Amino acid sequence: MRKHILTLFAAIALSTSTAQASPGHASALGKPGDPAKVDRSIEIATSDDMRFSPNEVRVKRGQTIRFRVVNGGQMKHEMVLGTLDELQKHAALMRKFPEMEHDDPNAVSVEPGKTGELVWRFTRSGNFDFACLVPGHFEAGMRGKIVVRP
């Protein structure tokens, strides 16, 4: 029971800190995409060497991308879109509350040997980030870049 209460408080703290930084999860990048209106699919492989492959993705502003996240490892991994600042704050929170589960439109958690999907519409140009926020993975370098061209 105590663990569930702590997870609830952690989720509230995360949503409060994210809301102060921006109006929604990963809003600096865009917004959740419509799975029926995907422009392109990109496969992202995760592995227990704490790397994404590819670790850099280039898209055009306005595109809706379906990320197919394939976990080829023996550990749970995830892909979370955001700014580096958002991801760093979220990673710190995950270290404090390692049992916290994500249910955010900018994230997908993938169990070992499974595949997950994340659909996102990139509405702003710029350089953005993605990372695995399972405790210890971000710190081990499990991060990537998204370049959104005009």
C-alpha atoms as a PDB file:
ATOM      1  CA  MET A   1       0.000   0.000   0.000  1.00  0.00           C
ATOM      2  CA  ARG A   2       2.806   2.404   0.930  1.00  0.00           C
ATOM      3  CA  LYS A   3       4.537   1.759  -2.408  1.00  0.00           C
ATOM      4  CA  HIS A   4       1.333   2.640  -4.296  1.00  0.00           C
ATOM      5  CA  ILE A   5       0.944   5.872  -2.336  1.00  0.00           C
ATOM      6  CA  LEU A   6       4.550   6.826  -3.042  1.00  0.00           C
ATOM      7  CA  THR A   7       4.060   6.070  -6.730  1.00  0.00           C
ATOM      8  CA  LEU A   8       0.981   8.294  -6.749  1.00  0.00           C
ATOM      9  CA  PHE A   9       2.908  11.146  -5.110  1.00  0.00           C
ATOM     10  CA  ALA A  10       5.755  10.676  -7.600  1.00  0.00           C
ATOM     11  CA  ALA A  11       3.345  10.850 -10.526  1.00  0.00           C
ATOM     12  CA  ILE A  12       1.794  14.024  -9.136  1.00  0.00           C
ATOM     13  CA  ALA A  13       5.237  15.560  -8.625  1.00  0.00           C
ATOM     14  CA  LEU A  14       6.256  14.648 -12.164  1.00  0.00           C
ATOM     15  CA  SER A  15       3.119  16.081 -13.729  1.00  0.00           C
ATOM     16  CA  THR A  16       3.520  19.252 -11.670  1.00  0.00           C
ATOM     17  CA  SER A  17       7.161  19.750 -12.685  1.00  0.00           C
ATOM     18  CA  THR A  18       6.380  19.008 -16.337  1.00  0.00           C
ATOM     19  CA  ALA A  19       3.405  21.362 -16.311  1.00  0.00           C
ATOM     20  CA  GLN A  20       5.629  24.149 -14.983  1.00  0.00           C
ATOM     21  CA  ALA A  21       8.146  23.585 -17.767  1.00  0.00           C
ATOM     22  CA  SER A  22       5.609  23.271 -20.591  1.00  0.00           C
ATOM     23  CA  PRO A  23       1.896  22.773 -21.178  1.00  0.00           C
ATOM     24  CA  GLY A  24       2.227  18.989 -21.636  1.00  0.00           C
ATOM     25  CA  HIS A  25       4.533  16.003 -21.945  1.00  0.00           C
ATOM     26  CA  ALA A  26       7.113  16.678 -24.683  1.00  0.00           C
ATOM     27  CA  SER A  27       5.065  19.609 -25.999  1.00  0.00           C
ATOM     28  CA  ALA A  28       8.275  21.289 -27.202  1.00  0.00           C
ATOM     29  CA  LEU A  29       8.483  18.535 -29.844  1.00  0.00           C
ATOM     30  CA  GLY A  30       4.858  18.290 -30.849  1.00  0.00           C
ATOM     31  CA  LYS A  31       1.944  16.138 -29.781  1.00  0.00           C
ATOM     32  CA  PRO A  32       0.661  12.564 -29.844  1.00  0.00           C
ATOM     33  CA  GLY A  33       0.040  11.425 -33.409  1.00  0.00           C
ATOM     34  CA  ASP A  34      -2.941   9.754 -35.003  1.00  0.00           C
ATOM     35  CA  PRO A  35      -1.997   6.103 -35.729  1.00  0.00           C
ATOM     36  CA  ALA A  36      -4.232   6.221 -38.837  1.00  0.00           C
ATOM     37  CA  LYS A  37      -2.244   9.147 -40.299  1.00  0.00           C
ATOM     38  CA  VAL A  38       1.376   8.004 -40.052  1.00  0.00           C
ATOM     39  CA  ASP A  39       3.820   9.448 -42.603  1.00  0.00           C
ATOM     40  CA  ARG A  40       6.703   7.153 -41.776  1.00  0.00           C
ATOM     41  CA  SER A  41       7.687   4.243 -39.520  1.00  0.00           C
ATOM     42  CA  ILE A  42      11.077   4.050 -37.829  1.00  0.00           C
ATOM     43  CA  GLU A  43      12.360   0.983 -36.006  1.00  0.00           C
ATOM     44  CA  ILE A  44      14.408   1.641 -32.874  1.00  0.00           C
ATOM     45  CA  ALA A  45      16.282  -1.294 -31.342  1.00  0.00           C
ATOM     46  CA  THR A  46      17.087  -1.358 -27.628  1.00  0.00           C
ATOM     47  CA  SER A  47      19.613  -3.628 -26.000  1.00  0.00           C
ATOM     48  CA  ASP A  48      21.223  -4.354 -22.681  1.00  0.00           C
ATOM     49  CA  ASP A  49      24.398  -2.516 -23.740  1.00  0.00           C
ATOM     50  CA  MET A  50      22.327   0.619 -22.899  1.00  0.00           C
ATOM     51  CA  ARG A  51      22.151   1.932 -26.452  1.00  0.00           C
ATOM     52  CA  PHE A  52      19.493   2.720 -29.034  1.00  0.00           C
ATOM     53  CA  SER A  53      20.010   1.821 -32.662  1.00  0.00           C
ATOM     54  CA  PRO A  54      19.791   4.145 -34.428  1.00  0.00           C
ATOM     55  CA  ASN A  55      20.618   6.738 -31.795  1.00  0.00           C
ATOM     56  CA  GLU A  56      19.801   9.661 -34.091  1.00  0.00           C
ATOM     57  CA  VAL A  57      16.617  10.174 -36.081  1.00  0.00           C
ATOM     58  CA  ARG A  58      15.882  12.884 -38.657  1.00  0.00           C
ATOM     59  CA  VAL A  59      12.310  13.878 -39.477  1.00  0.00           C
ATOM     60  CA  LYS A  60      10.517  16.803 -41.091  1.00  0.00           C
ATOM     61  CA  ARG A  61       8.346  19.201 -39.151  1.00  0.00           C
ATOM     62  CA  GLY A  62       4.710  18.178 -39.531  1.00  0.00           C
ATOM     63  CA  GLN A  63       5.450  14.469 -39.969  1.00  0.00           C
ATOM     64  CA  THR A  64       3.723  11.850 -37.879  1.00  0.00           C
ATOM     65  CA  ILE A  65       6.151   9.069 -37.033  1.00  0.00           C
ATOM     66  CA  ARG A  66       5.403   5.573 -35.777  1.00  0.00           C
ATOM     67  CA  PHE A  67       8.350   4.405 -33.680  1.00  0.00           C
ATOM     68  CA  ARG A  68       8.519   0.599 -33.455  1.00  0.00           C
ATOM     69  CA  VAL A  69      10.656  -0.019 -30.375  1.00  0.00           C
ATOM     70  CA  VAL A  70      12.143  -3.520 -30.384  1.00  0.00           C
ATOM     71  CA  ASN A  71      13.652  -4.800 -27.132  1.00  0.00           C
ATOM     72  CA  GLY A  72      16.314  -7.356 -28.004  1.00  0.00           C
ATOM     73  CA  GLY A  73      17.646  -7.483 -24.455  1.00  0.00           C
ATOM     74  CA  GLN A  74      16.907  -9.351 -21.252  1.00  0.00           C
ATOM     75  CA  MET A  75      15.854  -6.215 -19.326  1.00  0.00           C
ATOM     76  CA  LYS A  76      12.892  -3.887 -19.651  1.00  0.00           C
ATOM     77  CA  HIS A  77      13.666  -0.766 -21.710  1.00  0.00           C
ATOM     78  CA  GLU A  78      11.682   2.260 -22.756  1.00  0.00           C
ATOM     79  CA  MET A  79      11.732   5.170 -25.157  1.00  0.00           C
ATOM     80  CA  VAL A  80      10.647   8.541 -23.800  1.00  0.00           C
ATOM     81  CA  LEU A  81      10.557  11.668 -25.991  1.00  0.00           C
ATOM     82  CA  GLY A  82      11.337  15.072 -24.521  1.00  0.00           C
ATOM     83  CA  THR A  83      13.800  17.872 -24.062  1.00  0.00           C
ATOM     84  CA  LEU A  84      17.049  17.011 -22.324  1.00  0.00           C
ATOM     85  CA  ASP A  85      15.909  19.000 -19.267  1.00  0.00           C
ATOM     86  CA  GLU A  86      12.581  17.088 -19.069  1.00  0.00           C
ATOM     87  CA  LEU A  87      14.348  13.750 -19.445  1.00  0.00           C
ATOM     88  CA  GLN A  88      16.955  14.562 -16.784  1.00  0.00           C
ATOM     89  CA  LYS A  89      14.243  15.553 -14.285  1.00  0.00           C
ATOM     90  CA  HIS A  90      12.183  12.482 -15.082  1.00  0.00           C
ATOM     91  CA  ALA A  91      15.247  10.205 -14.775  1.00  0.00           C
ATOM     92  CA  ALA A  92      15.969  11.648 -11.309  1.00  0.00           C
ATOM     93  CA  LEU A  93      12.376  10.967 -10.273  1.00  0.00           C
ATOM     94  CA  MET A  94      12.584   7.409 -11.601  1.00  0.00           C
ATOM     95  CA  ARG A  95      15.677   6.789  -9.450  1.00  0.00           C
ATOM     96  CA  LYS A  96      13.651   7.793  -6.385  1.00  0.00           C
ATOM     97  CA  PHE A  97      10.599   5.738  -7.409  1.00  0.00           C
ATOM     98  CA  PRO A  98      11.894   2.827  -9.533  1.00  0.00           C
ATOM     99  CA  GLU A  99       8.550   0.977  -9.512  1.00  0.00           C
ATOM    100  CA  MET A 100       6.707   3.888 -11.155  1.00  0.00           C
ATOM    101  CA  GLU A 101       5.073   2.900 -14.449  1.00  0.00           C
ATOM    102  CA  HIS A 102       4.584   5.251 -17.413  1.00  0.00           C
ATOM    103  CA  ASP A 103       1.302   5.887 -19.143  1.00  0.00           C
ATOM    104  CA  ASP A 104       2.302   8.986 -21.081  1.00  0.00           C
ATOM    105  CA  PRO A 105       1.717   9.561 -24.797  1.00  0.00           C
ATOM    106  CA  ASN A 106       5.410  10.432 -25.285  1.00  0.00           C
ATOM    107  CA  ALA A 107       6.665   7.126 -23.836  1.00  0.00           C
ATOM    108  CA  VAL A 108       6.591   3.408 -24.482  1.00  0.00           C
ATOM    109  CA  SER A 109       7.880   0.694 -22.128  1.00  0.00           C
ATOM    110  CA  VAL A 110       8.921  -2.586 -23.703  1.00  0.00           C
ATOM    111  CA  GLU A 111       9.461  -5.886 -21.906  1.00  0.00           C
ATOM    112  CA  PRO A 112      12.363  -8.157 -22.963  1.00  0.00           C
ATOM    113  CA  GLY A 113      11.844  -9.761 -26.361  1.00  0.00           C
ATOM    114  CA  LYS A 114       8.776  -7.612 -27.110  1.00  0.00           C
ATOM    115  CA  THR A 115       7.972  -4.698 -29.443  1.00  0.00           C
ATOM    116  CA  GLY A 116       6.100  -1.527 -28.557  1.00  0.00           C
ATOM    117  CA  GLU A 117       4.880   1.452 -30.556  1.00  0.00           C
ATOM    118  CA  LEU A 118       4.847   5.186 -30.036  1.00  0.00           C
ATOM    119  CA  VAL A 119       3.177   7.552 -32.532  1.00  0.00           C
ATOM    120  CA  TRP A 120       4.211  11.204 -32.433  1.00  0.00           C
ATOM    121  CA  ARG A 121       3.527  14.264 -34.611  1.00  0.00           C
ATOM    122  CA  PHE A 122       6.502  16.623 -34.733  1.00  0.00           C
ATOM    123  CA  THR A 123       5.095  20.155 -34.977  1.00  0.00           C
ATOM    124  CA  ARG A 124       8.263  22.119 -34.165  1.00  0.00           C
ATOM    125  CA  SER A 125      11.704  22.258 -35.738  1.00  0.00           C
ATOM    126  CA  GLY A 126      14.817  21.803 -33.648  1.00  0.00           C
ATOM    127  CA  ASN A 127      17.023  19.291 -31.887  1.00  0.00           C
ATOM    128  CA  PHE A 128      15.307  17.107 -29.312  1.00  0.00           C
ATOM    129  CA  ASP A 129      16.043  13.983 -27.325  1.00  0.00           C
ATOM    130  CA  PHE A 130      14.803  10.541 -26.366  1.00  0.00           C
ATOM    131  CA  ALA A 131      15.991   8.254 -23.606  1.00  0.00           C
ATOM    132  CA  CYS A 132      15.375   5.145 -21.565  1.00  0.00           C
ATOM    133  CA  LEU A 133      14.379   6.223 -18.062  1.00  0.00           C
ATOM    134  CA  VAL A 134      14.523   2.829 -16.383  1.00  0.00           C
ATOM    135  CA  PRO A 135      16.694   3.624 -13.333  1.00  0.00           C
ATOM    136  CA  GLY A 136      20.372   3.599 -14.288  1.00  0.00           C
ATOM    137  CA  HIS A 137      19.830   3.354 -18.043  1.00  0.00           C
ATOM    138  CA  PHE A 138      19.805   7.126 -18.752  1.00  0.00           C
ATOM    139  CA  GLU A 139      22.954   7.530 -16.640  1.00  0.00           C
ATOM    140  CA  ALA A 140      24.600   4.671 -18.568  1.00  0.00           C
ATOM    141  CA  GLY A 141      24.115   6.616 -21.802  1.00  0.00           C
ATOM    142  CA  MET A 142      20.876   5.166 -23.169  1.00  0.00           C
ATOM    143  CA  ARG A 143      19.908   8.333 -25.034  1.00  0.00           C
ATOM    144  CA  GLY A 144      19.318   9.509 -28.560  1.00  0.00           C
ATOM    145  CA  LYS A 145      18.718  12.620 -30.669  1.00  0.00           C
ATOM    146  CA  ILE A 146      15.848  13.684 -32.869  1.00  0.00           C
ATOM    147  CA  VAL A 147      16.543  16.355 -35.477  1.00  0.00           C
ATOM    148  CA  VAL A 148      13.352  17.955 -36.789  1.00  0.00           C
ATOM    149  CA  ARG A 149      13.947  19.901 -40.008  1.00  0.00           C
ATOM    150  CA  PRO A 150      11.627  22.637 -41.281  1.00  0.00           C
END
